[in-house]
């Protein structure tokens, strides 16, 4: 399965998850429905962003990276808002503003001041902050930190945060073109060996810049 097919499959699975959650959320206790609704919105946004990872490489660079990163960042914000409601904390009023600022910054650094490194650092910082704060909510005093489901979810967030951090430090030392995107290169073994003598990754991870 090539990277496009893999990303499309992931997008469809996530979308199916959102549809199932929408169907069963009516049976949730009323106290859990607001949190479930935000989680559903986040899952749908993640599916949209993943879909553009699979299909967006034929679009102009500014459109592709904006349509990919915008939904992904907003999806993570929705997840964080859901967790805040779940543990009984009020969602932050500026949450959605963060998504707007990140999305507009990605657009600016792809259409006006074209810079792969600026997009990489900006999006990685936003992802890391949102995921680390989500881990804090899942293990904080207001949560049932002993619950297995919460430990598993915190572990998933930690794994993704580690991947984002490794990806950030992987690209930072290298002088890459301003219009570079990992989606356009696929990080194939041949490309990696040509660009980085120590690298032999089999395929590209979903781009976050």
Protein backbone atom coordinates (compact mmCIF):
# COMPACT_ATOMS: atom_id res chain seq x y z
CA UNK A 1 0.00 0.00 0.00
CA UNK A 2 1.51 3.34 -1.05
CA UNK A 3 1.50 6.41 1.26
CA UNK A 4 -1.51 8.00 -0.48
CA UNK A 5 -3.58 4.83 -0.05
CA UNK A 6 -2.49 4.52 3.57
CA UNK A 7 -3.45 8.11 4.36
CA UNK A 8 -6.78 7.72 2.58
CA UNK A 9 -7.49 4.54 4.56
CA UNK A 10 -6.65 6.25 7.85
CA UNK A 11 -8.92 9.16 6.93
CA UNK A 12 -11.83 6.83 6.17
CA UNK A 13 -11.33 4.89 9.41
CA UNK A 14 -11.27 8.10 11.44
CA UNK A 15 -14.34 9.35 9.60
CA UNK A 16 -16.16 6.08 10.35
CA UNK A 17 -15.20 6.51 13.98
CA UNK A 18 -16.76 9.98 14.01
CA UNK A 19 -19.97 8.65 12.46
CA UNK A 20 -20.21 5.82 15.02
CA UNK A 21 -19.59 8.27 17.86
CA UNK A 22 -22.35 10.51 16.51
CA UNK A 23 -24.75 7.57 16.48
CA UNK A 24 -24.06 6.32 20.00
CA UNK A 25 -23.60 9.73 21.68
CA UNK A 26 -27.39 10.01 22.06
CA UNK A 27 -27.21 7.15 24.54
CA UNK A 28 -24.57 8.84 26.70
CA UNK A 29 -25.56 10.34 30.06
CA UNK A 30 -26.47 14.03 29.67
CA UNK A 31 -23.37 15.07 31.65
CA UNK A 32 -21.07 13.41 29.10
CA UNK A 33 -22.75 14.64 25.94
CA UNK A 34 -20.96 18.03 25.70
CA UNK A 35 -17.56 16.33 25.99
CA UNK A 36 -18.59 13.63 23.49
CA UNK A 37 -19.80 16.29 21.06
CA UNK A 38 -16.45 18.09 21.11
CA UNK A 39 -14.61 14.77 20.72
CA UNK A 40 -16.85 13.97 17.74
CA UNK A 41 -16.06 17.35 16.16
CA UNK A 42 -12.34 16.79 16.72
CA UNK A 43 -12.47 13.34 15.15
CA UNK A 44 -14.26 14.70 12.09
CA UNK A 45 -11.70 17.50 11.69
CA UNK A 46 -8.81 15.04 12.01
CA UNK A 47 -10.41 12.91 9.29
CA UNK A 48 -10.69 15.95 7.00
CA UNK A 49 -7.05 16.92 7.61
CA UNK A 50 -5.87 13.36 7.00
CA UNK A 51 -7.90 13.30 3.78
CA UNK A 52 -6.05 16.33 2.48
CA UNK A 53 -2.74 14.65 3.39
CA UNK A 54 -3.72 11.89 0.97
CA UNK A 55 -5.21 14.01 -1.81
CA UNK A 56 -3.75 17.49 -1.43
CA UNK A 57 -0.34 17.09 -3.04
CA UNK A 58 -1.77 18.11 -6.43
CA UNK A 59 -2.95 21.42 -4.98
CA UNK A 60 -0.79 24.58 -4.86
CA UNK A 61 1.51 24.57 -1.82
CA UNK A 62 -0.31 27.29 0.20
CA UNK A 63 -3.67 25.60 -0.29
CA UNK A 64 -2.36 22.12 0.44
CA UNK A 65 -0.53 22.90 3.70
CA UNK A 66 -3.34 25.16 4.96
CA UNK A 67 -6.12 22.65 4.23
CA UNK A 68 -4.02 19.93 5.85
CA UNK A 69 -2.86 21.73 8.98
CA UNK A 70 -5.95 23.83 9.69
CA UNK A 71 -8.33 20.90 10.34
CA UNK A 72 -5.64 18.93 12.18
CA UNK A 73 -4.91 21.76 14.63
CA UNK A 74 -8.61 22.51 15.14
CA UNK A 75 -9.19 18.79 15.69
CA UNK A 76 -6.58 18.68 18.46
CA UNK A 77 -8.14 21.80 20.01
CA UNK A 78 -11.55 20.10 19.99
CA UNK A 79 -10.01 17.04 21.67
CA UNK A 80 -8.52 19.24 24.38
CA UNK A 81 -11.83 21.04 24.93
CA UNK A 82 -13.55 17.67 25.22
CA UNK A 83 -11.07 16.54 27.87
CA UNK A 84 -11.52 19.76 29.84
CA UNK A 85 -15.27 19.21 29.90
CA UNK A 86 -14.77 15.57 30.84
CA UNK A 87 -12.71 16.45 33.92
CA UNK A 88 -15.07 19.27 34.90
CA UNK A 89 -12.92 22.23 33.80
CA UNK A 90 -14.23 25.07 31.71
CA UNK A 91 -12.88 25.21 28.13
CA UNK A 92 -10.58 28.14 27.46
CA UNK A 93 -12.21 30.99 25.58
CA UNK A 94 -9.18 31.53 23.35
CA UNK A 95 -8.95 27.87 22.23
CA UNK A 96 -10.42 28.42 18.78
CA UNK A 97 -8.40 31.65 18.40
CA UNK A 98 -5.24 29.53 18.67
CA UNK A 99 -6.45 27.44 15.72
CA UNK A 100 -7.17 30.56 13.68
CA UNK A 101 -3.73 32.02 14.42
CA UNK A 102 -1.91 28.78 13.56
CA UNK A 103 -3.89 28.32 10.33
CA UNK A 104 -3.34 31.92 9.20
CA UNK A 105 0.36 31.66 10.07
CA UNK A 106 0.69 28.48 8.00
CA UNK A 107 -0.96 30.28 5.10
CA UNK A 108 1.34 33.27 5.51
CA UNK A 109 4.50 31.12 5.65
CA UNK A 110 3.45 29.21 2.55
CA UNK A 111 2.04 32.00 0.37
CA UNK A 112 3.79 35.23 1.40
CA UNK A 113 6.93 34.52 3.44
CA UNK A 114 7.54 31.00 2.18
CA UNK A 115 9.45 29.05 4.83
CA UNK A 116 9.27 25.33 5.53
CA UNK A 117 11.19 25.71 8.79
CA UNK A 118 8.83 28.42 10.08
CA UNK A 119 5.83 26.20 9.33
CA UNK A 120 7.54 23.19 10.90
CA UNK A 121 8.41 24.97 14.16
CA UNK A 122 5.05 26.73 14.39
CA UNK A 123 2.87 23.67 13.83
CA UNK A 124 5.06 21.36 15.90
CA UNK A 125 4.96 23.79 18.84
CA UNK A 126 1.16 24.00 18.63
CA UNK A 127 0.77 20.22 18.42
CA UNK A 128 3.18 19.62 21.31
CA UNK A 129 1.49 22.17 23.56
CA UNK A 130 -2.00 20.81 22.86
CA UNK A 131 -0.98 17.18 23.39
CA UNK A 132 1.08 17.82 26.52
CA UNK A 133 -1.80 19.79 28.02
CA UNK A 134 -4.18 16.95 27.09
CA UNK A 135 -1.89 14.50 28.91
CA UNK A 136 -1.94 16.82 31.93
CA UNK A 137 -5.75 16.85 31.91
CA UNK A 138 -5.88 13.06 31.69
CA UNK A 139 -3.53 12.60 34.65
CA UNK A 140 -4.48 15.64 36.73
CA UNK A 141 -6.43 15.78 40.00
CA UNK A 142 -9.79 16.30 38.28
CA UNK A 143 -9.54 13.10 36.26
CA UNK A 144 -9.93 9.45 37.12
CA UNK A 145 -6.21 8.96 36.50
CA UNK A 146 -6.39 5.32 37.53
CA UNK A 147 -8.82 4.44 34.74
CA UNK A 148 -7.24 2.20 32.13
CA UNK A 149 -8.89 4.06 29.25
CA UNK A 150 -7.41 7.36 30.39
CA UNK A 151 -3.95 5.84 30.78
CA UNK A 152 -4.18 4.41 27.28
CA UNK A 153 -5.35 7.72 25.84
CA UNK A 154 -2.57 9.60 27.64
CA UNK A 155 -0.07 7.07 26.22
CA UNK A 156 -1.41 7.69 22.69
CA UNK A 157 -1.02 11.46 23.11
CA UNK A 158 2.50 10.92 24.48
CA UNK A 159 3.43 8.71 21.52
CA UNK A 160 2.20 11.28 19.00
CA UNK A 161 3.96 14.08 20.88
CA UNK A 162 7.20 12.09 20.80
CA UNK A 163 6.81 11.54 17.06
CA UNK A 164 6.24 15.27 16.47
CA UNK A 165 9.32 16.14 18.56
CA UNK A 166 11.51 13.60 16.75
CA UNK A 167 10.28 14.84 13.38
CA UNK A 168 11.02 18.44 14.39
CA UNK A 169 14.61 17.67 15.46
CA UNK A 170 15.09 15.44 12.40
CA UNK A 171 14.48 18.32 9.98
CA UNK A 172 15.86 21.28 11.96
CA UNK A 173 19.60 20.77 11.30
CA UNK A 174 19.16 20.61 7.52
CA UNK A 175 18.98 23.41 4.99
CA UNK A 176 15.78 22.51 3.17
CA UNK A 177 14.14 24.52 0.38
CA UNK A 178 11.53 27.06 1.50
CA UNK A 179 8.82 25.28 -0.50
CA UNK A 180 9.75 21.82 0.82
CA UNK A 181 6.99 19.55 2.10
CA UNK A 182 7.45 15.97 3.24
CA UNK A 183 4.31 15.10 1.26
CA UNK A 184 5.91 16.17 -1.99
CA UNK A 185 9.05 14.09 -1.35
CA UNK A 186 7.51 11.01 0.33
CA UNK A 187 10.79 10.56 2.27
CA UNK A 188 11.58 7.53 0.15
CA UNK A 189 14.78 5.60 0.98
CA UNK A 190 16.47 6.86 -2.20
CA UNK A 191 15.60 10.50 -1.49
CA UNK A 192 16.67 10.15 2.15
CA UNK A 193 20.03 8.58 1.29
CA UNK A 194 20.64 11.33 -1.23
CA UNK A 195 19.71 14.09 1.21
CA UNK A 196 20.71 12.59 4.57
CA UNK A 197 23.31 9.84 4.46
CA UNK A 198 22.06 8.27 7.72
CA UNK A 199 18.38 8.12 6.83
CA UNK A 200 16.49 5.13 5.45
CA UNK A 201 12.83 5.74 6.24
CA UNK A 202 10.37 3.66 4.21
CA UNK A 203 7.76 6.33 3.59
CA UNK A 204 6.63 9.77 4.58
CA UNK A 205 4.78 10.44 7.82
CA UNK A 206 1.66 12.61 7.52
CA UNK A 207 2.97 16.13 7.03
CA UNK A 208 2.44 18.73 9.74
CA UNK A 209 3.96 21.65 7.87
